[in-house]
Amino acid sequence: MIKHIKITLGDFKDFQVKHDFDDANLLNMIAPVATMASKVKDMPSDCY
């Protein structure tokens, strides 16, 4: 599991370098997704 996490983090850093993102830009991109995911997680299953 730890090896998988390290590989993922390495891929993430490569992505960051290739697309010239700094940490702030990535956080701005990720934050809305995290918010949406947390709202969906708390949503009742019978809600359409």
N, C-alpha and C. Protein backbone atom coordinates (compact mmCIF):
# COMPACT_ATOMS: atom_id res chain seq x y z
N MET A 1 0.83 -1.20 0.00
CA MET A 1 0.00 0.00 0.00
C MET A 1 0.87 1.26 0.00
N ILE A 2 1.89 1.26 0.85
CA ILE A 2 2.76 2.44 0.92
C ILE A 2 3.48 2.65 -0.42
N LYS A 3 3.90 1.55 -1.05
CA LYS A 3 4.54 1.65 -2.36
C LYS A 3 3.59 2.29 -3.37
N HIS A 4 2.33 1.88 -3.34
CA HIS A 4 1.33 2.44 -4.25
C HIS A 4 1.16 3.94 -4.02
N ILE A 5 1.13 4.33 -2.75
CA ILE A 5 0.98 5.76 -2.43
C ILE A 5 2.18 6.54 -2.95
N LYS A 6 3.38 5.99 -2.77
CA LYS A 6 4.58 6.68 -3.25
C LYS A 6 4.57 6.82 -4.76
N ILE A 7 4.14 5.78 -5.47
CA ILE A 7 4.05 5.84 -6.94
C ILE A 7 3.04 6.91 -7.34
N THR A 8 1.89 6.93 -6.67
CA THR A 8 0.86 7.92 -6.98
C THR A 8 1.38 9.33 -6.74
N LEU A 9 2.07 9.54 -5.62
CA LEU A 9 2.62 10.86 -5.33
C LEU A 9 3.68 11.24 -6.36
N GLY A 10 4.47 10.27 -6.81
CA GLY A 10 5.45 10.54 -7.85
C GLY A 10 4.79 10.95 -9.15
N ASP A 11 3.73 10.25 -9.53
CA ASP A 11 2.96 10.59 -10.74
C ASP A 11 2.37 11.99 -10.60
N PHE A 12 1.89 12.30 -9.40
CA PHE A 12 1.29 13.60 -9.14
C PHE A 12 2.33 14.71 -9.31
N LYS A 13 3.53 14.48 -8.80
CA LYS A 13 4.60 15.48 -8.95
C LYS A 13 4.97 15.64 -10.43
N ASP A 14 5.04 14.53 -11.17
CA ASP A 14 5.32 14.61 -12.60
C ASP A 14 4.26 15.43 -13.32
N PHE A 15 3.00 15.19 -12.97
CA PHE A 15 1.88 15.93 -13.55
C PHE A 15 2.03 17.42 -13.25
N GLN A 16 2.39 17.69 -11.98
CA GLN A 16 2.56 19.07 -11.54
C GLN A 16 3.63 19.77 -12.38
N VAL A 17 4.76 19.10 -12.59
CA VAL A 17 5.87 19.68 -13.34
C VAL A 17 5.48 19.87 -14.81
N LYS A 18 4.87 18.86 -15.40
CA LYS A 18 4.52 18.92 -16.83
C LYS A 18 3.53 20.05 -17.12
N HIS A 19 2.62 20.27 -16.20
CA HIS A 19 1.58 21.26 -16.44
C HIS A 19 1.83 22.58 -15.73
N ASP A 20 3.02 22.70 -15.13
CA ASP A 20 3.46 23.95 -14.51
C ASP A 20 2.47 24.45 -13.45
N PHE A 21 1.96 23.54 -12.64
CA PHE A 21 1.08 23.93 -11.54
C PHE A 21 1.92 24.08 -10.28
N ASP A 22 1.59 25.06 -9.47
CA ASP A 22 2.18 25.08 -8.14
C ASP A 22 1.12 24.55 -7.17
N ASP A 23 1.51 24.41 -5.90
CA ASP A 23 0.60 23.80 -4.92
C ASP A 23 -0.69 24.60 -4.76
N ALA A 24 -0.61 25.92 -4.82
CA ALA A 24 -1.80 26.75 -4.64
C ALA A 24 -2.81 26.50 -5.76
N ASN A 25 -2.34 26.44 -7.00
CA ASN A 25 -3.25 26.18 -8.13
C ASN A 25 -3.92 24.83 -7.98
N LEU A 26 -3.15 23.82 -7.57
CA LEU A 26 -3.72 22.49 -7.41
C LEU A 26 -4.76 22.47 -6.31
N LEU A 27 -4.49 23.15 -5.20
CA LEU A 27 -5.47 23.20 -4.12
C LEU A 27 -6.75 23.89 -4.58
N ASN A 28 -6.62 24.95 -5.36
CA ASN A 28 -7.81 25.64 -5.88
C ASN A 28 -8.63 24.73 -6.78
N MET A 29 -7.94 23.87 -7.54
CA MET A 29 -8.65 22.94 -8.43
C MET A 29 -9.32 21.82 -7.65
N ILE A 30 -8.64 21.33 -6.61
CA ILE A 30 -9.10 20.16 -5.88
C ILE A 30 -10.19 20.50 -4.87
N ALA A 31 -10.13 21.68 -4.26
CA ALA A 31 -11.06 22.05 -3.18
C ALA A 31 -12.53 21.91 -3.57
N PRO A 32 -12.98 22.40 -4.74
CA PRO A 32 -14.41 22.24 -5.09
C PRO A 32 -14.82 20.78 -5.23
N VAL A 33 -13.91 19.95 -5.72
CA VAL A 33 -14.21 18.52 -5.87
C VAL A 33 -14.37 17.89 -4.49
N ALA A 34 -13.50 18.24 -3.57
CA ALA A 34 -13.57 17.70 -2.21
C ALA A 34 -14.88 18.12 -1.55
N THR A 35 -15.28 19.37 -1.74
CA THR A 35 -16.53 19.87 -1.17
C THR A 35 -17.72 19.12 -1.75
N MET A 36 -17.74 18.94 -3.07
CA MET A 36 -18.83 18.24 -3.73
C MET A 36 -18.90 16.79 -3.25
N ALA A 37 -17.75 16.14 -3.16
CA ALA A 37 -17.71 14.75 -2.73
C ALA A 37 -18.24 14.60 -1.31
N SER A 38 -17.92 15.54 -0.43
CA SER A 38 -18.39 15.44 0.95
C SER A 38 -19.90 15.65 1.01
N LYS A 39 -20.44 16.50 0.13
CA LYS A 39 -21.90 16.71 0.10
C LYS A 39 -22.61 15.46 -0.41
N VAL A 40 -22.06 14.83 -1.44
CA VAL A 40 -22.65 13.62 -2.00
C VAL A 40 -22.62 12.49 -0.96
N LYS A 41 -21.52 12.41 -0.23
CA LYS A 41 -21.36 11.35 0.78
C LYS A 41 -22.47 11.46 1.85
N ASP A 42 -22.86 12.68 2.20
CA ASP A 42 -23.87 12.89 3.25
C ASP A 42 -25.30 12.87 2.72
N MET A 43 -25.45 12.73 1.41
CA MET A 43 -26.77 12.76 0.79
C MET A 43 -27.51 11.44 1.03
N PRO A 44 -28.79 11.48 1.36
CA PRO A 44 -29.54 10.23 1.52
C PRO A 44 -29.64 9.48 0.19
N SER A 45 -29.67 8.16 0.25
CA SER A 45 -29.63 7.37 -0.98
C SER A 45 -30.90 7.49 -1.81
N ASP A 46 -32.02 7.89 -1.20
CA ASP A 46 -33.28 8.00 -1.95
C ASP A 46 -33.50 9.40 -2.51
N CYS A 47 -32.48 10.23 -2.49
CA CYS A 47 -32.59 11.61 -2.97
C CYS A 47 -32.28 11.65 -4.47
N TYR A 48 -33.20 12.15 -5.27
CA TYR A 48 -32.96 12.25 -6.72
C TYR A 48 -32.93 13.68 -7.14
